Amino acid sequence: KVKPQLEEKEGKTFDVFTAVEYKSQTVAGTNFFIKVYVGNDEFVHLRVFRSLPHENKPLSLHSYQKSKARHDELTYF
C-alpha cells in the first residue's frame, strides 16, 4: 500500500518491491520499520505509520532511507 507513495517521492517506479524484514513500535498507532528489496542489490528502509483503528486513516509512508544493503541493520529513524 505504500509502494506508490515511495514511487511518487522518488519519481520512479520499482519493478521489484519485496519486504524482507520488519520491526514495529507501538505509539499512538504503530510505526513499522520495513526493509524492502528493490532490485539490483539495493534495499530501502521504510518507516510506515498505521493510525489507531477508530481514526480510519490509510497507511502512510512517514520517511525512508535509500541506498541500503541487505546487511544494514533496520533501526528507528
C-alpha atoms as a PDB file:
ATOM      1  CA  LYS A   1       0.000   0.000   0.000  1.00  0.00           C
ATOM      2  CA  VAL A   2       2.958   2.381   0.461  1.00  0.00           C
ATOM      3  CA  LYS A   3       4.797   1.487  -2.758  1.00  0.00           C
ATOM      4  CA  PRO A   4       3.002   4.214  -4.785  1.00  0.00           C
ATOM      5  CA  GLN A   5       3.845   6.751  -2.057  1.00  0.00           C
ATOM      6  CA  LEU A   6       7.564   5.923  -2.299  1.00  0.00           C
ATOM      7  CA  GLU A   7       7.473   5.915  -6.098  1.00  0.00           C
ATOM      8  CA  GLU A   8       5.913   9.378  -6.071  1.00  0.00           C
ATOM      9  CA  LYS A   9       8.549  10.738  -3.663  1.00  0.00           C
ATOM     10  CA  GLU A  10      11.393   9.179  -5.664  1.00  0.00           C
ATOM     11  CA  GLY A  11       9.954   9.999  -9.080  1.00  0.00           C
ATOM     12  CA  LYS A  12      10.468   6.455 -10.358  1.00  0.00           C
ATOM     13  CA  THR A  13       8.821   3.058 -10.355  1.00  0.00           C
ATOM     14  CA  PHE A  14      10.156  -0.091  -8.737  1.00  0.00           C
ATOM     15  CA  ASP A  15       9.797  -3.346 -10.679  1.00  0.00           C
ATOM     16  CA  VAL A  16      10.805  -5.277  -7.560  1.00  0.00           C
ATOM     17  CA  PHE A  17       9.371  -4.321  -4.151  1.00  0.00           C
ATOM     18  CA  THR A  18       9.703  -7.149  -1.619  1.00  0.00           C
ATOM     19  CA  ALA A  19       9.658  -6.733   2.169  1.00  0.00           C
ATOM     20  CA  VAL A  20      12.403  -8.875   3.711  1.00  0.00           C
ATOM     21  CA  GLU A  21      12.326  -7.752   7.352  1.00  0.00           C
ATOM     22  CA  TYR A  22      10.276  -5.546   9.632  1.00  0.00           C
ATOM     23  CA  LYS A  23      10.063  -4.245  13.185  1.00  0.00           C
ATOM     24  CA  SER A  24       7.208  -2.441  14.860  1.00  0.00           C
ATOM     25  CA  GLN A  25       6.884   0.202  17.546  1.00  0.00           C
ATOM     26  CA  THR A  26       3.650   0.963  19.353  1.00  0.00           C
ATOM     27  CA  VAL A  27       2.905   4.659  19.708  1.00  0.00           C
ATOM     28  CA  ALA A  28      -0.490   6.364  19.288  1.00  0.00           C
ATOM     29  CA  GLY A  29      -0.838   3.847  16.462  1.00  0.00           C
ATOM     30  CA  THR A  30       2.005   1.711  15.124  1.00  0.00           C
ATOM     31  CA  ASN A  31       5.259   2.571  13.379  1.00  0.00           C
ATOM     32  CA  PHE A  32       6.571  -0.151  11.092  1.00  0.00           C
ATOM     33  CA  PHE A  33      10.198  -0.153  10.024  1.00  0.00           C
ATOM     34  CA  ILE A  34      10.431  -2.257   6.881  1.00  0.00           C
ATOM     35  CA  LYS A  35      13.465  -3.345   4.876  1.00  0.00           C
ATOM     36  CA  VAL A  36      12.403  -3.629   1.229  1.00  0.00           C
ATOM     37  CA  TYR A  37      14.391  -5.189  -1.618  1.00  0.00           C
ATOM     38  CA  VAL A  38      14.022  -3.007  -4.726  1.00  0.00           C
ATOM     39  CA  GLY A  39      16.309  -4.919  -7.108  1.00  0.00           C
ATOM     40  CA  ASN A  40      19.945  -4.583  -8.209  1.00  0.00           C
ATOM     41  CA  ASP A  41      21.200  -5.496  -4.714  1.00  0.00           C
ATOM     42  CA  GLU A  42      19.552  -2.330  -3.358  1.00  0.00           C
ATOM     43  CA  PHE A  43      17.346  -2.001  -0.312  1.00  0.00           C
ATOM     44  CA  VAL A  44      15.200   0.798   1.079  1.00  0.00           C
ATOM     45  CA  HIS A  45      14.237   1.187   4.725  1.00  0.00           C
ATOM     46  CA  LEU A  46      10.699   2.489   5.182  1.00  0.00           C
ATOM     47  CA  ARG A  47       9.002   3.998   8.205  1.00  0.00           C
ATOM     48  CA  VAL A  48       5.276   3.410   7.805  1.00  0.00           C
ATOM     49  CA  PHE A  49       2.641   4.657  10.231  1.00  0.00           C
ATOM     50  CA  ARG A  50      -0.654   2.882  10.896  1.00  0.00           C
ATOM     51  CA  SER A  51      -3.094   5.012  12.874  1.00  0.00           C
ATOM     52  CA  LEU A  52      -5.430   3.661  15.512  1.00  0.00           C
ATOM     53  CA  PRO A  53      -8.400   1.724  14.083  1.00  0.00           C
ATOM     54  CA  HIS A  54     -11.035   4.278  15.127  1.00  0.00           C
ATOM     55  CA  GLU A  55      -9.210   7.012  13.158  1.00  0.00           C
ATOM     56  CA  ASN A  56      -9.871   5.095   9.916  1.00  0.00           C
ATOM     57  CA  LYS A  57      -6.822   6.523   8.085  1.00  0.00           C
ATOM     58  CA  PRO A  58      -4.758   4.734   5.429  1.00  0.00           C
ATOM     59  CA  LEU A  59      -1.182   3.577   5.960  1.00  0.00           C
ATOM     60  CA  SER A  60       1.238   6.428   5.414  1.00  0.00           C
ATOM     61  CA  LEU A  61       4.890   6.466   4.435  1.00  0.00           C
ATOM     62  CA  HIS A  62       6.398   8.706   7.104  1.00  0.00           C
ATOM     63  CA  SER A  63      10.028   8.588   5.944  1.00  0.00           C
ATOM     64  CA  TYR A  64      12.544   6.370   4.204  1.00  0.00           C
ATOM     65  CA  GLN A  65      16.251   5.750   3.765  1.00  0.00           C
ATOM     66  CA  LYS A  66      17.644   4.631   0.423  1.00  0.00           C
ATOM     67  CA  SER A  67      20.936   3.112  -0.760  1.00  0.00           C
ATOM     68  CA  LYS A  68      20.839   0.436   1.922  1.00  0.00           C
ATOM     69  CA  ALA A  69      22.368  -3.048   1.731  1.00  0.00           C
ATOM     70  CA  ARG A  70      20.999  -6.407   2.872  1.00  0.00           C
ATOM     71  CA  HIS A  71      23.290  -6.425   5.942  1.00  0.00           C
ATOM     72  CA  ASP A  72      22.343  -2.888   7.096  1.00  0.00           C
ATOM     73  CA  GLU A  73      20.539  -3.072  10.437  1.00  0.00           C
ATOM     74  CA  LEU A  74      16.916  -1.989  10.485  1.00  0.00           C
ATOM     75  CA  THR A  75      16.724   0.672  13.222  1.00  0.00           C
ATOM     76  CA  TYR A  76      14.467   3.504  14.354  1.00  0.00           C
ATOM     77  CA  PHE A  77      14.761   6.644  12.204  1.00  0.00           C
END
